[in-house]
Amino acid sequence: MLNIRVIPCLLLQDGRLVKTVKFKNPSYVGNPINAIKIYNEKEVDELIVLDITATSKNRNPSFELLSEIAEECFMPLTYGGGVRSMEDLQKLFTLGIEKVAINTYAIENPSLIKEAAISFGSQSIVVAVDVKKNIWGKYMVCSHGGQKPVNLSAIEHVQKMAEMGAGEIFLNSIDRDGTWNGYDLDLIRMISASVQIPVIACGGAGSVDDFGRAVKEGGASAVAAGSMVVYQGKDLGVLINFPNREKLEKVLT
């Protein structure tokens, strides 16, 4: 196992596996169960699954599908999407999901993070933060799957979430999502320096070298990737994959 976690991030829409570009235009990738079977074979250390429309459609997590996913997944699993209550959290943990990522409801009801951290332990509570630059170049938080800008600075939000007991920050750059242009190192550096909890960088990975830069230059504790682990390459077809361990070790050690 690598000291630095490299985590595939899979997006669900209506039970299907999809991939977005800048949080828009989801393209069909395949069946989530089949993808997870491949990641099991490749001995991936950890997996993140996000339902990108549960919140915007005011829908609960798809517990039946998640039960199938958790049963098939041989690695620690983080799930996010449509999580609004302690009851949702309890159901998800009962299914065998190790960590739950909360995004919109962490903004709307920060006390849920505190209550969840006390009840289930900080290590199992991840706050997902979707960030986009506004026209003045300021990093702002967005909710509802990145669709609604919130008058909230990224630094203030993550600091409050850390105070509430979040165990990790899952930091996603909307501007870089699906672009293959590399992570937003300025954003990662800013957020990582502002909290004492691990920051998982996501959005824009196009090469293994990008992982190294996010960690060594940005200060990220872990990296997540979407396009890189579901496509053969930019503008190429679907191929569920994971980088070679030797290549990862070269850039992350």
Protein backbone atom coordinates (compact mmCIF):
# COMPACT_ATOMS: atom_id res chain seq x y z
CA MET A 1 0.00 0.00 0.00
CA LEU A 2 1.28 3.46 -0.90
CA ASN A 3 1.80 6.02 1.85
CA ILE A 4 -0.14 8.51 -0.29
CA ARG A 5 -3.61 7.32 -1.22
CA VAL A 6 -4.60 7.39 -4.89
CA ILE A 7 -8.37 7.02 -5.04
CA PRO A 8 -10.64 6.41 -8.03
CA CYS A 9 -13.67 8.70 -7.85
CA LEU A 10 -16.74 7.27 -9.55
CA LEU A 11 -19.84 9.32 -10.37
CA LEU A 12 -23.34 7.87 -10.30
CA GLN A 13 -26.35 9.25 -12.16
CA ASP A 14 -29.60 7.28 -11.96
CA GLY A 15 -27.67 4.13 -11.12
CA ARG A 16 -25.28 4.45 -14.05
CA LEU A 17 -21.60 5.27 -13.99
CA VAL A 18 -20.90 8.60 -15.71
CA LYS A 19 -18.12 11.17 -16.09
CA THR A 20 -18.50 14.94 -16.27
CA VAL A 21 -16.46 17.87 -17.56
CA LYS A 22 -16.58 20.89 -15.26
CA PHE A 23 -19.54 19.21 -13.54
CA LYS A 24 -21.57 19.29 -16.78
CA ASN A 25 -22.50 16.99 -19.67
CA PRO A 26 -22.31 13.60 -17.94
CA SER A 27 -21.21 10.86 -20.34
CA TYR A 28 -22.12 7.23 -19.80
CA VAL A 29 -19.18 5.11 -18.71
CA GLY A 30 -20.70 1.81 -17.68
CA ASN A 31 -22.07 -0.30 -14.88
CA PRO A 32 -20.72 0.61 -11.43
CA ILE A 33 -20.62 -2.99 -10.22
CA ASN A 34 -18.50 -4.04 -13.20
CA ALA A 35 -16.13 -1.14 -12.61
CA ILE A 36 -15.71 -2.05 -8.96
CA LYS A 37 -14.91 -5.66 -9.88
CA ILE A 38 -12.05 -4.38 -12.04
CA TYR A 39 -10.74 -2.11 -9.25
CA ASN A 40 -10.85 -5.12 -6.90
CA GLU A 41 -8.63 -7.04 -9.33
CA LYS A 42 -6.23 -4.11 -9.53
CA GLU A 43 -6.04 -4.02 -5.72
CA VAL A 44 -6.99 -0.36 -5.43
CA ASP A 45 -6.60 0.81 -1.83
CA GLU A 46 -9.73 2.97 -1.55
CA LEU A 47 -12.74 4.08 -3.58
CA ILE A 48 -15.04 7.12 -3.63
CA VAL A 49 -18.54 6.90 -5.13
CA LEU A 50 -20.62 10.06 -5.53
CA ASP A 51 -24.25 10.29 -6.64
CA ILE A 52 -24.19 13.58 -8.53
CA THR A 53 -27.95 14.14 -8.79
CA ALA A 54 -29.34 12.85 -5.49
CA THR A 55 -29.24 16.26 -3.81
CA SER A 56 -30.41 18.33 -6.77
CA LYS A 57 -33.35 15.94 -7.24
CA ASN A 58 -34.07 15.96 -3.50
CA ARG A 59 -33.62 12.20 -3.46
CA ASN A 60 -32.28 9.93 -0.74
CA PRO A 61 -29.20 7.81 -1.36
CA SER A 62 -29.97 4.73 -3.47
CA PHE A 63 -29.57 2.31 -0.59
CA GLU A 64 -30.39 -0.80 -2.61
CA LEU A 65 -27.69 -0.07 -5.22
CA LEU A 66 -25.25 0.98 -2.52
CA SER A 67 -25.82 -2.32 -0.74
CA GLU A 68 -24.76 -4.12 -3.93
CA ILE A 69 -21.76 -1.81 -4.33
CA ALA A 70 -20.62 -2.26 -0.72
CA GLU A 71 -21.00 -6.03 -0.96
CA GLU A 72 -18.88 -6.17 -4.11
CA CYS A 73 -16.24 -3.65 -3.02
CA PHE A 74 -13.21 -5.25 -1.34
CA MET A 75 -11.62 -1.90 -0.41
CA PRO A 76 -12.59 0.94 1.95
CA LEU A 77 -15.50 2.81 0.39
CA THR A 78 -16.58 6.44 0.73
CA TYR A 79 -20.04 7.42 -0.46
CA GLY A 80 -21.55 10.88 -0.99
CA GLY A 81 -24.80 12.20 -2.40
CA GLY A 82 -28.19 13.03 -0.89
CA VAL A 83 -27.03 12.54 2.71
CA ARG A 84 -29.17 14.77 4.93
CA SER A 85 -29.61 13.10 8.31
CA MET A 86 -28.19 10.92 11.01
CA GLU A 87 -30.60 8.22 9.82
CA ASP A 88 -29.02 8.33 6.35
CA LEU A 89 -25.58 8.02 7.90
CA GLN A 90 -26.61 5.08 10.08
CA LYS A 91 -28.08 3.24 7.08
CA LEU A 92 -24.95 3.77 5.02
CA PHE A 93 -22.60 2.58 7.74
CA THR A 94 -24.84 -0.44 8.33
CA LEU A 95 -24.36 -1.36 4.66
CA GLY A 96 -20.62 -1.53 5.23
CA ILE A 97 -19.62 1.84 3.83
CA GLU A 98 -16.58 3.09 5.80
CA LYS A 99 -16.85 6.84 5.21
CA VAL A 100 -19.65 9.19 4.19
CA ALA A 101 -19.03 12.44 2.33
CA ILE A 102 -21.44 15.28 3.05
CA ASN A 103 -21.50 18.33 0.81
CA THR A 104 -24.63 20.48 0.47
CA TYR A 105 -26.08 19.62 3.85
CA ALA A 106 -22.78 20.46 5.55
CA ILE A 107 -23.33 23.99 4.22
CA GLU A 108 -27.02 24.13 5.13
CA ASN A 109 -26.74 22.40 8.51
CA PRO A 110 -23.14 22.42 9.81
CA SER A 111 -24.27 20.98 13.14
CA LEU A 112 -24.86 17.64 11.38
CA ILE A 113 -21.10 17.31 10.94
CA LYS A 114 -20.54 17.82 14.65
CA GLU A 115 -23.28 15.37 15.63
CA ALA A 116 -22.06 12.79 13.12
CA ALA A 117 -18.44 13.08 14.23
CA ILE A 118 -19.44 12.55 17.85
CA SER A 119 -21.69 9.59 17.06
CA PHE A 120 -19.67 7.79 14.39
CA GLY A 121 -16.14 9.19 14.80
CA SER A 122 -14.38 11.89 12.82
CA GLN A 123 -12.51 9.28 10.78
CA SER A 124 -15.77 8.26 9.09
CA ILE A 125 -17.01 11.78 8.22
CA VAL A 126 -15.73 13.49 5.08
CA VAL A 127 -16.84 16.96 4.02
CA ALA A 128 -16.89 17.31 0.24
CA VAL A 129 -16.26 20.85 -1.00
CA ASP A 130 -16.89 21.84 -4.61
CA VAL A 131 -15.02 25.04 -5.47
CA LYS A 132 -15.18 27.38 -8.45
CA LYS A 133 -13.44 30.67 -9.18
CA ASN A 134 -15.77 33.64 -9.55
CA ILE A 135 -15.24 36.46 -12.06
CA TRP A 136 -12.91 38.22 -9.61
CA GLY A 137 -10.74 35.13 -9.24
CA LYS A 138 -11.92 34.33 -5.72
CA TYR A 139 -12.48 30.69 -4.78
CA MET A 140 -16.12 30.18 -3.84
CA VAL A 141 -18.04 27.16 -2.63
CA CYS A 142 -20.90 25.67 -4.66
CA SER A 143 -23.66 23.34 -3.49
CA HIS A 144 -26.18 20.97 -5.11
CA GLY A 145 -23.66 19.12 -7.23
CA GLY A 146 -21.76 22.30 -8.06
CA GLN A 147 -24.82 23.95 -9.56
CA LYS A 148 -25.53 26.60 -6.91
CA PRO A 149 -22.90 29.19 -5.93
CA VAL A 150 -22.86 29.92 -2.22
CA ASN A 151 -21.71 33.19 -0.69
CA LEU A 152 -19.04 31.39 1.28
CA SER A 153 -15.29 31.43 0.93
CA ALA A 154 -13.58 28.07 0.59
CA ILE A 155 -11.13 28.72 3.43
CA GLU A 156 -13.81 29.79 5.91
CA HIS A 157 -15.92 26.77 5.05
CA VAL A 158 -13.22 24.13 5.44
CA GLN A 159 -11.99 25.67 8.67
CA LYS A 160 -15.50 25.56 10.10
CA MET A 161 -15.93 21.95 8.97
CA ALA A 162 -12.66 20.99 10.65
CA GLU A 163 -13.83 22.67 13.84
CA MET A 164 -17.09 20.73 13.64
CA GLY A 165 -15.15 17.48 13.60
CA ALA A 166 -14.81 16.48 9.96
CA GLY A 167 -12.07 13.89 9.53
CA GLU A 168 -11.16 14.79 5.95
CA ILE A 169 -11.85 17.36 3.26
CA PHE A 170 -12.62 16.09 -0.23
CA LEU A 171 -11.67 19.12 -2.34
CA ASN A 172 -12.97 19.20 -5.90
CA SER A 173 -12.16 21.92 -8.43
CA ILE A 174 -15.17 22.48 -10.68
CA ASP A 175 -13.05 24.41 -13.17
CA ARG A 176 -10.60 21.51 -13.56
CA ASP A 177 -13.04 18.59 -13.45
CA GLY A 178 -12.60 16.30 -16.45
CA THR A 179 -10.14 18.61 -18.22
CA TRP A 180 -6.95 16.49 -17.86
CA ASN A 181 -5.10 19.80 -17.30
CA GLY A 182 -3.75 19.03 -13.85
CA TYR A 183 -4.97 19.89 -10.38
CA ASP A 184 -5.47 23.48 -9.23
CA LEU A 185 -2.33 23.62 -7.11
CA ASP A 186 -3.06 27.11 -5.78
CA LEU A 187 -6.42 25.93 -4.45
CA ILE A 188 -4.97 22.75 -2.94
CA ARG A 189 -2.12 24.68 -1.33
CA MET A 190 -4.49 27.26 0.13
CA ILE A 191 -6.90 24.73 1.61
CA SER A 192 -4.23 22.30 2.85
CA ALA A 193 -2.47 25.12 4.69
CA SER A 194 -5.68 26.28 6.35
CA VAL A 195 -6.65 23.03 8.12
CA GLN A 196 -4.93 20.33 10.14
CA ILE A 197 -6.98 17.46 8.71
CA PRO A 198 -6.21 15.50 5.52
CA VAL A 199 -7.19 17.07 2.20
CA ILE A 200 -8.03 14.82 -0.76
CA ALA A 201 -7.40 16.69 -4.01
CA CYS A 202 -9.69 16.06 -6.97
CA GLY A 203 -10.38 17.65 -10.34
CA GLY A 204 -8.09 17.73 -13.36
CA ALA A 205 -5.65 14.84 -13.03
CA GLY A 206 -4.21 13.95 -16.41
CA SER A 207 -1.07 12.02 -15.49
CA VAL A 208 0.65 10.26 -12.64
CA ASP A 209 2.97 13.27 -12.39
CA ASP A 210 -0.06 15.39 -11.49
CA PHE A 211 -0.52 13.21 -8.40
CA GLY A 212 3.01 14.01 -7.30
CA ARG A 213 2.55 17.74 -7.83
CA ALA A 214 -0.71 17.79 -5.84
CA VAL A 215 1.07 16.19 -2.89
CA LYS A 216 4.55 17.74 -3.07
CA GLU A 217 3.63 21.21 -4.30
CA GLY A 218 0.03 21.49 -3.14
CA GLY A 219 0.31 19.74 0.21
CA ALA A 220 -2.54 17.31 -0.41
CA SER A 221 -2.68 14.23 1.82
CA ALA A 222 -4.31 12.11 -0.90
CA VAL A 223 -5.37 12.41 -4.52
CA ALA A 224 -8.51 11.32 -6.36
CA ALA A 225 -9.03 10.88 -10.08
CA GLY A 226 -12.00 10.33 -12.34
CA SER A 227 -11.24 10.59 -16.05
CA MET A 228 -7.81 9.00 -15.69
CA VAL A 229 -9.26 5.84 -14.20
CA VAL A 230 -12.25 5.37 -16.52
CA TYR A 231 -10.84 6.43 -19.92
CA GLN A 232 -7.92 5.22 -22.02
CA GLY A 233 -6.85 8.84 -22.46
CA LYS A 234 -8.23 12.24 -23.33
CA ASP A 235 -10.76 11.95 -26.20
CA LEU A 236 -10.39 8.15 -26.15
CA GLY A 237 -12.79 5.36 -25.22
CA VAL A 238 -13.78 3.92 -21.88
CA LEU A 239 -11.26 1.68 -20.13
CA ILE A 240 -11.65 1.11 -16.41
CA ASN A 241 -8.04 1.20 -15.23
CA PHE A 242 -5.61 2.21 -12.51
CA PRO A 243 -2.01 3.47 -12.79
CA ASN A 244 0.88 1.07 -12.47
CA ARG A 245 2.15 0.75 -8.88
CA GLU A 246 5.75 1.29 -9.87
CA LYS A 247 4.88 4.58 -11.59
CA LEU A 248 2.93 5.71 -8.56
CA GLU A 249 5.78 4.89 -6.21
CA LYS A 250 8.20 6.94 -8.30
CA VAL A 251 6.16 10.13 -8.02
CA LEU A 252 4.72 9.66 -4.53
CA THR A 253 7.74 8.49 -2.54
